[in-house]
Amino acid sequence: MAQLRQEVDPSEVGLDVKALDRLDQHFAHYVDEGRLPGYLVAVARGGRVAHLTAQGHRDRAAGLPVEADTIWRIYSMTKPVTAVAVLLLMEDGLLSLDDPVDRFLPEFASPRVHVSGSGDDMVTRPADGPIRIRHLLTHTAGLTFAFYHTHPVDARYREAGLEFSVPAGADLAETMAVYARMPLQFEPGTQWNYSVGFNVLSRVIEVVSGQRLDEFFADRIFRPLGMPDAGLHIVPEQADRLSELYGETEGGGIEAIPGLPLRGRPRFLSGSGGLAATAYDYHRFAEMLRRGGELDGVRLLSAASVRLLAGNHLPGGADLRTFGAPVHREPGNDGLGFGLGVSVVIDPDRTLAPSSAGTYGWTGAATTAFWVDPAHDLTVQFHTQVRPKTLKVFPELRRLVHESILD
């Protein structure tokens, strides 16, 4: 069974053992306090795992520990995988980033943009231009999520049964018909707003490739990279390794909550947040990116495509705080641009946590995270399974890893 293992002493690759011990102690304290059930953190430099810690439980009630081969719901860490899938189709010559989405999904022709009002009094106008593939990849399409409760358009999503992004019982194709009826929150390309756009890309991948999304991921990404446990559902022999999912309570503790329906192939295949994977699987994916599209002699993407993914695509070099919709204009978005499915550090002097210019990565809703730091030849990943309310681990994780870099 493939599982991640420490391959080198941290000191051999320029990492401070004492700083990494502080990292472990910090998150062990969260486990001891009952704020996390358990966690796994891995730091690799130059492709070799130099720090790997698994603590606590993957299932507290059953007393099952976190282990190197634990399977995690990675939620939005699915999005970089979907971005790679789109880039593969681009390299195949089957689409371009500037293609209108309605070339593949005709229901998205003639989008309309919110002007004023709400509910039955909402006023819309025809969009000045189409939604393009690059708009979906960069969250600048004008789409939204129902959970924001900050704009009349997200209210329209709730009215359409999109509280959980998907109409009950719908598949990808059926869901696209609902999305396409929604007004856009803004003109495509004029703001950044985290949204259902990667579900739209999931359907584009199916239409262009002629395969179901899970089949395309397996054939073009997971098998070539050697990611044996990654997938949009798990098989029975994987079930005992799947971590329980927890939610943060009002008092700061955690309790078990329902998770993604991973046991058996789901009707809705989400390239936005549907993947489960082990740390070994995501290490392979992150290392492919760090190495410019190649891993162990397998060239998955061109180096140019990886640079495209990891560059800032916001107009004029803007960051997320200045270019984002109002809900995203918060200090945590200072100094961060956005690439294709990943945030990108463009001004490390302004980021909330210490970072290096060019570092890119993303997080997941159950408090998972990864990043690639090209300047220091690092890949980092963190896994637990808590849907947070006030819990914030990522700034401290970034700081503690950054403090471990000696050269």
Protein backbone atom coordinates (compact mmCIF):
# COMPACT_ATOMS: atom_id res chain seq x y z
CA MET A 1 0.00 0.00 0.00
CA ALA A 2 1.38 3.41 -1.02
CA GLN A 3 1.84 5.81 1.86
CA LEU A 4 3.93 8.87 2.56
CA ARG A 5 7.17 8.36 4.49
CA GLN A 6 9.85 10.70 5.78
CA GLU A 7 12.83 10.37 3.46
CA VAL A 8 15.49 12.70 4.85
CA ASP A 9 16.43 14.46 8.07
CA PRO A 10 15.26 18.09 8.01
CA SER A 11 18.76 19.40 8.73
CA GLU A 12 20.06 17.74 5.55
CA VAL A 13 17.82 19.92 3.40
CA GLY A 14 18.16 23.21 5.28
CA LEU A 15 15.18 22.95 7.64
CA ASP A 16 15.30 23.66 11.37
CA VAL A 17 14.35 20.62 13.45
CA LYS A 18 13.46 22.74 16.49
CA ALA A 19 11.14 24.94 14.43
CA LEU A 20 9.39 21.87 13.06
CA ASP A 21 9.04 20.56 16.60
CA ARG A 22 7.30 23.83 17.49
CA LEU A 23 4.95 23.27 14.59
CA ASP A 24 4.06 19.80 15.90
CA GLN A 25 3.61 21.07 19.45
CA HIS A 26 1.35 23.89 18.26
CA PHE A 27 -1.11 21.58 16.52
CA ALA A 28 -0.81 18.86 19.16
CA HIS A 29 -2.12 21.47 21.59
CA TYR A 30 -5.18 21.90 19.33
CA VAL A 31 -5.75 18.15 19.55
CA ASP A 32 -5.31 18.13 23.32
CA GLU A 33 -7.83 20.98 23.65
CA GLY A 34 -10.36 19.09 21.53
CA ARG A 35 -10.32 21.67 18.74
CA LEU A 36 -8.93 19.19 16.20
CA PRO A 37 -9.55 15.42 16.20
CA GLY A 38 -6.10 14.84 14.74
CA TYR A 39 -3.94 16.03 11.88
CA LEU A 40 -1.22 15.17 9.41
CA VAL A 41 1.42 17.65 8.25
CA ALA A 42 4.10 16.99 5.63
CA VAL A 43 6.94 19.24 4.48
CA ALA A 44 9.08 18.21 1.51
CA ARG A 45 12.13 20.00 0.13
CA GLY A 46 13.67 19.21 -3.20
CA GLY A 47 11.15 16.42 -3.59
CA ARG A 48 12.13 14.57 -0.41
CA VAL A 49 9.81 14.44 2.61
CA ALA A 50 11.76 15.98 5.48
CA HIS A 51 8.99 16.25 8.05
CA LEU A 52 5.94 14.05 8.48
CA THR A 53 3.77 14.02 11.59
CA ALA A 54 0.44 12.28 12.20
CA GLN A 55 -1.26 12.86 15.55
CA GLY A 56 -4.67 12.31 17.12
CA HIS A 57 -7.61 10.44 15.66
CA ARG A 58 -9.21 10.04 12.28
CA ASP A 59 -12.29 8.73 14.14
CA ARG A 60 -12.53 9.75 17.80
CA ALA A 61 -15.51 7.58 18.68
CA ALA A 62 -13.87 4.45 17.27
CA GLY A 63 -10.46 5.37 18.67
CA LEU A 64 -8.83 5.07 15.23
CA PRO A 65 -5.59 7.07 14.87
CA VAL A 66 -4.50 9.35 12.05
CA GLU A 67 -2.03 7.37 9.96
CA ALA A 68 0.04 8.12 6.89
CA ASP A 69 -2.49 6.31 4.68
CA THR A 70 -5.61 8.03 6.12
CA ILE A 71 -7.99 9.18 3.40
CA TRP A 72 -9.17 12.79 3.66
CA ARG A 73 -12.03 14.73 2.11
CA ILE A 74 -10.00 17.50 0.49
CA TYR A 75 -12.97 19.58 -0.72
CA SER A 76 -11.67 22.66 -2.60
CA MET A 77 -8.17 21.24 -2.96
CA THR A 78 -10.01 19.45 -5.79
CA LYS A 79 -9.97 22.70 -7.77
CA PRO A 80 -6.24 22.67 -8.69
CA VAL A 81 -6.74 19.11 -10.00
CA THR A 82 -9.61 20.34 -12.16
CA ALA A 83 -7.46 23.24 -13.40
CA VAL A 84 -4.80 20.72 -14.45
CA ALA A 85 -7.47 18.71 -16.27
CA VAL A 86 -8.51 21.82 -18.23
CA LEU A 87 -4.87 22.53 -19.10
CA LEU A 88 -4.50 18.96 -20.38
CA LEU A 89 -7.41 19.56 -22.75
CA MET A 90 -5.82 22.86 -23.78
CA GLU A 91 -2.57 21.06 -24.58
CA ASP A 92 -4.61 18.50 -26.57
CA GLY A 93 -5.84 21.40 -28.71
CA LEU A 94 -9.47 20.81 -27.70
CA LEU A 95 -10.11 24.14 -26.01
CA SER A 96 -8.45 27.45 -25.21
CA LEU A 97 -8.70 29.66 -22.16
CA ASP A 98 -10.43 32.34 -24.22
CA ASP A 99 -13.14 30.03 -25.57
CA PRO A 100 -16.66 31.12 -24.60
CA VAL A 101 -18.19 28.58 -22.28
CA ASP A 102 -21.28 28.39 -24.49
CA ARG A 103 -19.12 26.79 -27.20
CA PHE A 104 -19.37 23.65 -25.04
CA LEU A 105 -22.43 24.38 -22.89
CA PRO A 106 -24.98 26.22 -25.08
CA GLU A 107 -27.20 26.98 -22.09
CA PHE A 108 -24.65 29.64 -21.05
CA ALA A 109 -25.24 31.72 -24.18
CA SER A 110 -26.62 35.22 -23.59
CA PRO A 111 -25.80 35.68 -19.89
CA ARG A 112 -27.47 38.52 -18.03
CA VAL A 113 -25.90 40.70 -15.32
CA HIS A 114 -27.54 42.07 -12.17
CA VAL A 115 -28.16 45.82 -12.31
CA SER A 116 -30.35 46.55 -9.29
CA GLY A 117 -33.08 45.23 -7.05
CA SER A 118 -33.79 41.81 -5.64
CA GLY A 119 -36.35 39.05 -5.86
CA ASP A 120 -39.16 39.77 -8.31
CA ASP A 121 -37.96 43.37 -8.60
CA MET A 122 -34.47 42.43 -9.80
CA VAL A 123 -33.31 44.30 -12.91
CA THR A 124 -30.76 42.67 -15.22
CA ARG A 125 -29.15 43.51 -18.54
CA PRO A 126 -27.37 41.48 -21.23
CA ALA A 127 -23.69 40.94 -20.42
CA ASP A 128 -21.22 42.87 -22.57
CA GLY A 129 -19.41 39.65 -23.43
CA PRO A 130 -19.49 35.89 -22.85
CA ILE A 131 -18.25 33.91 -19.89
CA ARG A 132 -14.91 32.44 -20.96
CA ILE A 133 -13.01 29.40 -19.73
CA ARG A 134 -10.39 31.63 -18.09
CA HIS A 135 -13.13 33.42 -16.13
CA LEU A 136 -14.20 30.10 -14.61
CA LEU A 137 -10.61 29.13 -13.77
CA THR A 138 -9.95 32.47 -12.07
CA HIS A 139 -13.34 32.96 -10.33
CA THR A 140 -14.03 36.11 -12.35
CA ALA A 141 -17.10 34.83 -14.24
CA GLY A 142 -19.73 36.63 -12.16
CA LEU A 143 -21.04 33.39 -10.64
CA THR A 144 -21.41 33.01 -6.88
CA PHE A 145 -22.32 30.67 -4.00
CA ALA A 146 -25.66 30.59 -2.20
CA PHE A 147 -24.07 30.70 1.25
CA TYR A 148 -22.75 34.26 1.13
CA HIS A 149 -25.98 36.08 2.06
CA THR A 150 -24.42 39.36 0.87
CA HIS A 151 -25.97 40.05 -2.56
CA PRO A 152 -29.35 39.68 -4.30
CA VAL A 153 -27.84 37.21 -6.76
CA ASP A 154 -26.83 34.74 -4.05
CA ALA A 155 -30.40 34.98 -2.76
CA ARG A 156 -31.57 33.93 -6.22
CA TYR A 157 -29.28 30.88 -5.94
CA ARG A 158 -31.00 29.90 -2.68
CA GLU A 159 -34.41 30.33 -4.26
CA ALA A 160 -33.29 27.94 -7.01
CA GLY A 161 -32.38 25.20 -4.52
CA LEU A 162 -28.62 25.79 -4.69
CA GLU A 163 -28.00 26.10 -0.94
CA PHE A 164 -25.48 23.27 -1.27
CA SER A 165 -24.45 24.31 -4.83
CA VAL A 166 -26.37 21.40 -6.40
CA PRO A 167 -30.12 20.87 -6.82
CA ALA A 168 -31.19 17.80 -4.86
CA GLY A 169 -30.60 14.64 -6.89
CA ALA A 170 -29.18 16.44 -9.95
CA ASP A 171 -26.15 15.44 -11.99
CA LEU A 172 -23.66 17.82 -13.60
CA ALA A 173 -25.64 18.33 -16.81
CA GLU A 174 -28.89 19.02 -14.96
CA THR A 175 -27.14 21.42 -12.61
CA MET A 176 -25.73 23.45 -15.50
CA ALA A 177 -29.24 24.24 -16.67
CA VAL A 178 -29.98 25.78 -13.26
CA TYR A 179 -26.71 27.73 -13.07
CA ALA A 180 -27.26 29.15 -16.55
CA ARG A 181 -30.60 30.63 -15.51
CA MET A 182 -28.97 32.61 -12.69
CA PRO A 183 -28.04 36.27 -13.29
CA LEU A 184 -24.37 37.13 -13.02
CA GLN A 185 -23.32 39.20 -10.02
CA PHE A 186 -21.02 41.32 -12.21
CA GLU A 187 -19.69 41.58 -15.74
CA PRO A 188 -17.30 38.67 -16.49
CA GLY A 189 -13.69 39.61 -15.86
CA THR A 190 -14.39 42.66 -13.69
CA GLN A 191 -14.24 41.23 -10.14
CA TRP A 192 -13.11 38.13 -8.24
CA ASN A 193 -15.77 36.09 -6.46
CA TYR A 194 -15.31 32.52 -5.25
CA SER A 195 -18.08 30.54 -6.86
CA VAL A 196 -19.57 27.40 -8.42
CA GLY A 197 -17.43 28.00 -11.52
CA PHE A 198 -15.37 24.83 -11.07
CA ASN A 199 -18.54 22.76 -11.23
CA VAL A 200 -19.13 24.36 -14.62
CA LEU A 201 -15.59 23.43 -15.63
CA SER A 202 -16.31 19.87 -14.51
CA ARG A 203 -19.09 19.64 -17.08
CA VAL A 204 -16.92 21.30 -19.74
CA ILE A 205 -14.30 18.58 -19.16
CA GLU A 206 -16.94 15.88 -19.63
CA VAL A 207 -18.31 17.41 -22.84
CA VAL A 208 -14.90 18.07 -24.40
CA SER A 209 -13.31 14.75 -23.42
CA GLY A 210 -16.34 12.52 -23.90
CA GLN A 211 -15.65 10.94 -20.49
CA ARG A 212 -17.25 11.19 -17.07
CA LEU A 213 -15.24 13.45 -14.80
CA ASP A 214 -14.01 10.67 -12.52
CA GLU A 215 -12.86 8.63 -15.50
CA PHE A 216 -10.94 11.57 -16.97
CA PHE A 217 -9.24 12.29 -13.64
CA ALA A 218 -8.24 8.63 -13.28
CA ASP A 219 -7.02 8.15 -16.85
CA ARG A 220 -5.22 11.44 -17.35
CA ILE A 221 -4.01 12.44 -13.85
CA PHE A 222 -4.24 9.85 -11.08
CA ARG A 223 -2.86 6.78 -12.85
CA PRO A 224 -0.05 8.62 -14.68
CA LEU A 225 1.07 10.29 -11.43
CA GLY A 226 0.64 7.21 -9.25
CA MET A 227 -2.14 8.53 -6.98
CA PRO A 228 -3.79 5.21 -6.05
CA ASP A 229 -6.35 6.37 -3.48
CA ALA A 230 -7.48 9.63 -5.09
CA GLY A 231 -11.01 9.71 -6.44
CA LEU A 232 -14.52 11.15 -6.31
CA HIS A 233 -15.69 8.14 -4.31
CA ILE A 234 -14.14 5.34 -2.28
CA VAL A 235 -14.44 1.58 -2.70
CA PRO A 236 -15.27 -0.74 0.22
CA GLU A 237 -11.66 -1.71 0.89
CA GLN A 238 -10.79 1.97 1.46
CA ALA A 239 -13.67 2.69 3.84
CA ASP A 240 -11.88 1.96 7.12
CA ARG A 241 -9.16 4.49 6.24
CA LEU A 242 -11.57 7.38 5.59
CA SER A 243 -11.45 10.04 8.29
CA GLU A 244 -14.61 11.02 10.10
CA LEU A 245 -15.77 14.58 9.42
CA TYR A 246 -16.31 17.02 12.29
CA GLY A 247 -17.84 20.45 12.65
CA GLU A 248 -16.79 23.15 15.08
CA THR A 249 -19.34 23.76 17.83
CA GLU A 250 -20.33 27.14 19.26
CA GLY A 251 -18.17 26.42 22.31
CA GLY A 252 -15.06 25.78 20.25
CA GLY A 253 -15.16 21.99 20.45
CA ILE A 254 -15.98 19.58 17.63
CA GLU A 255 -18.71 17.05 16.86
CA ALA A 256 -19.16 14.49 14.09
CA ILE A 257 -21.23 15.72 11.15
CA PRO A 258 -22.30 14.21 7.80
CA GLY A 259 -19.68 14.42 5.06
CA LEU A 260 -19.57 13.99 1.32
CA PRO A 261 -21.40 10.82 0.18
CA LEU A 262 -18.17 9.12 -0.84
CA ARG A 263 -19.23 5.49 -0.39
CA GLY A 264 -20.40 4.61 -3.89
CA ARG A 265 -20.19 6.72 -7.03
CA PRO A 266 -22.11 9.98 -6.51
CA ARG A 267 -24.61 11.14 -9.10
CA PHE A 268 -23.04 14.61 -9.02
CA LEU A 269 -19.31 14.48 -9.83
CA SER A 270 -17.79 17.68 -8.46
CA GLY A 271 -14.50 19.04 -9.69
CA SER A 272 -15.07 21.89 -7.25
CA GLY A 273 -14.94 19.95 -3.99
CA GLY A 274 -15.57 16.25 -4.48
CA LEU A 275 -12.19 14.55 -4.13
CA ALA A 276 -10.88 12.30 -1.40
CA ALA A 277 -7.17 11.50 -1.25
CA THR A 278 -4.29 10.49 1.00
CA ALA A 279 -1.28 12.64 1.81
CA TYR A 280 0.74 10.38 -0.54
CA ASP A 281 -1.67 11.12 -3.39
CA TYR A 282 -1.55 14.89 -2.95
CA HIS A 283 2.20 14.85 -2.42
CA ARG A 284 2.52 13.27 -5.88
CA PHE A 285 0.28 15.96 -7.37
CA ALA A 286 2.08 18.84 -5.65
CA GLU A 287 5.48 17.45 -6.63
CA MET A 288 4.41 17.30 -10.27
CA LEU A 289 3.63 21.01 -10.06
CA ARG A 290 6.89 21.83 -8.24
CA ARG A 291 8.84 19.99 -10.94
CA GLY A 292 7.15 21.94 -13.74
CA GLY A 293 4.70 19.27 -14.92
CA GLU A 294 6.86 16.12 -14.73
CA LEU A 295 7.20 13.40 -12.09
CA ASP A 296 9.33 10.24 -12.14
CA GLY A 297 9.82 10.43 -15.88
CA VAL A 298 6.13 11.08 -16.65
CA ARG A 299 5.48 14.41 -18.34
CA LEU A 300 1.90 15.33 -17.44
CA LEU A 301 1.94 19.03 -18.36
CA SER A 302 4.38 21.32 -20.09
CA ALA A 303 6.40 23.65 -17.90
CA ALA A 304 4.69 26.55 -19.68
CA SER A 305 1.27 25.26 -18.58
CA VAL A 306 2.39 25.00 -14.97
CA ARG A 307 3.71 28.57 -15.14
CA LEU A 308 0.31 29.59 -16.52
CA LEU A 309 -1.46 27.89 -13.61
CA ALA A 310 0.83 29.47 -11.01
CA GLY A 311 0.87 33.05 -12.32
CA ASN A 312 -1.37 35.90 -11.20
CA HIS A 313 -4.22 36.40 -13.68
CA LEU A 314 -5.94 39.32 -11.96
CA PRO A 315 -5.86 42.45 -14.17
CA GLY A 316 -3.01 44.86 -13.65
CA GLY A 317 -1.33 42.64 -11.06
CA ALA A 318 -4.16 43.28 -8.58
CA ASP A 319 -4.58 41.28 -5.40
CA LEU A 320 -7.71 39.55 -4.10
CA ARG A 321 -8.49 42.26 -1.58
CA THR A 322 -8.59 45.05 -4.16
CA PHE A 323 -10.13 43.07 -7.04
CA GLY A 324 -12.46 40.91 -4.99
CA ALA A 325 -16.18 41.35 -4.53
CA PRO A 326 -16.96 43.14 -1.23
CA VAL A 327 -17.20 39.89 0.77
CA HIS A 328 -13.56 39.14 -0.09
CA ARG A 329 -12.10 42.54 0.80
CA GLU A 330 -10.46 41.34 3.99
CA PRO A 331 -6.86 41.56 5.32
CA GLY A 332 -6.22 37.87 4.66
CA ASN A 333 -6.37 38.59 0.92
CA ASP A 334 -3.73 41.33 0.94
CA GLY A 335 -0.76 40.51 -1.26
CA LEU A 336 -2.43 37.45 -2.84
CA GLY A 337 -3.19 37.22 -6.52
CA PHE A 338 -4.99 34.36 -8.21
CA GLY A 339 -3.88 31.90 -10.86
CA LEU A 340 -5.82 28.97 -12.29
CA GLY A 341 -7.47 27.39 -9.26
CA VAL A 342 -4.76 28.58 -6.85
CA SER A 343 -3.91 31.71 -4.91
CA VAL A 344 -0.48 33.20 -5.64
CA VAL A 345 1.69 35.34 -3.37
CA ILE A 346 2.50 38.51 -5.30
CA ASP A 347 3.56 40.81 -2.43
CA PRO A 348 4.97 38.92 0.59
CA ASP A 349 5.35 42.19 2.51
CA ARG A 350 1.56 42.48 2.66
CA THR A 351 0.41 38.91 3.26
CA LEU A 352 -1.14 38.02 6.61
CA ALA A 353 1.38 35.21 7.18
CA PRO A 354 5.05 35.08 6.13
CA SER A 355 5.35 33.84 2.55
CA SER A 356 7.69 33.88 -0.42
CA ALA A 357 6.83 35.59 -3.69
CA GLY A 358 5.47 33.07 -6.18
CA THR A 359 4.17 30.63 -3.56
CA TYR A 360 0.89 29.13 -4.73
CA GLY A 361 -1.69 26.71 -3.38
CA TRP A 362 -5.20 26.36 -2.00
CA THR A 363 -7.24 25.09 0.93
CA GLY A 364 -10.24 22.88 1.59
CA ALA A 365 -13.43 23.39 3.60
CA ALA A 366 -12.49 20.74 6.19
CA THR A 367 -9.29 22.63 7.14
CA THR A 368 -6.92 21.08 4.62
CA ALA A 369 -4.22 23.04 2.79
CA PHE A 370 -1.31 22.70 0.40
CA TRP A 371 1.19 25.01 -1.18
CA VAL A 372 4.22 25.00 -3.43
CA ASP A 373 7.02 27.43 -2.62
CA PRO A 374 9.26 27.57 -5.71
CA ALA A 375 11.72 30.01 -4.10
CA HIS A 376 12.54 27.48 -1.36
CA ASP A 377 11.85 24.30 -3.35
CA LEU A 378 9.14 23.30 -0.85
CA THR A 379 5.83 21.51 -0.98
CA VAL A 380 3.67 21.54 2.16
CA GLN A 381 0.36 19.90 3.00
CA PHE A 382 -1.83 19.83 6.09
CA HIS A 383 -4.84 17.59 6.67
CA THR A 384 -7.53 17.38 9.32
CA GLN A 385 -11.32 17.09 9.02
CA VAL A 386 -13.05 20.02 10.71
CA ARG A 387 -15.59 22.33 9.11
CA PRO A 388 -14.62 25.54 11.00
CA LYS A 389 -16.61 28.46 12.33
CA THR A 390 -13.89 30.44 14.11
CA LEU A 391 -10.96 28.01 13.88
CA LYS A 392 -8.11 29.48 11.82
CA VAL A 393 -5.01 27.32 11.44
CA PHE A 394 -3.54 28.43 8.12
CA PRO A 395 -1.76 31.67 9.11
CA GLU A 396 -0.02 29.86 11.97
CA LEU A 397 0.81 26.90 9.73
CA ARG A 398 2.40 29.25 7.18
CA ARG A 399 4.34 31.09 9.88
CA LEU A 400 5.66 27.95 11.55
CA VAL A 401 6.77 26.35 8.28
CA HIS A 402 8.38 29.61 7.15
CA GLU A 403 10.32 29.82 10.43
CA SER A 404 11.81 26.37 9.75
CA ILE A 405 13.59 27.45 6.54
CA LEU A 406 17.28 27.98 7.23
CA ASP A 407 18.48 28.73 3.69
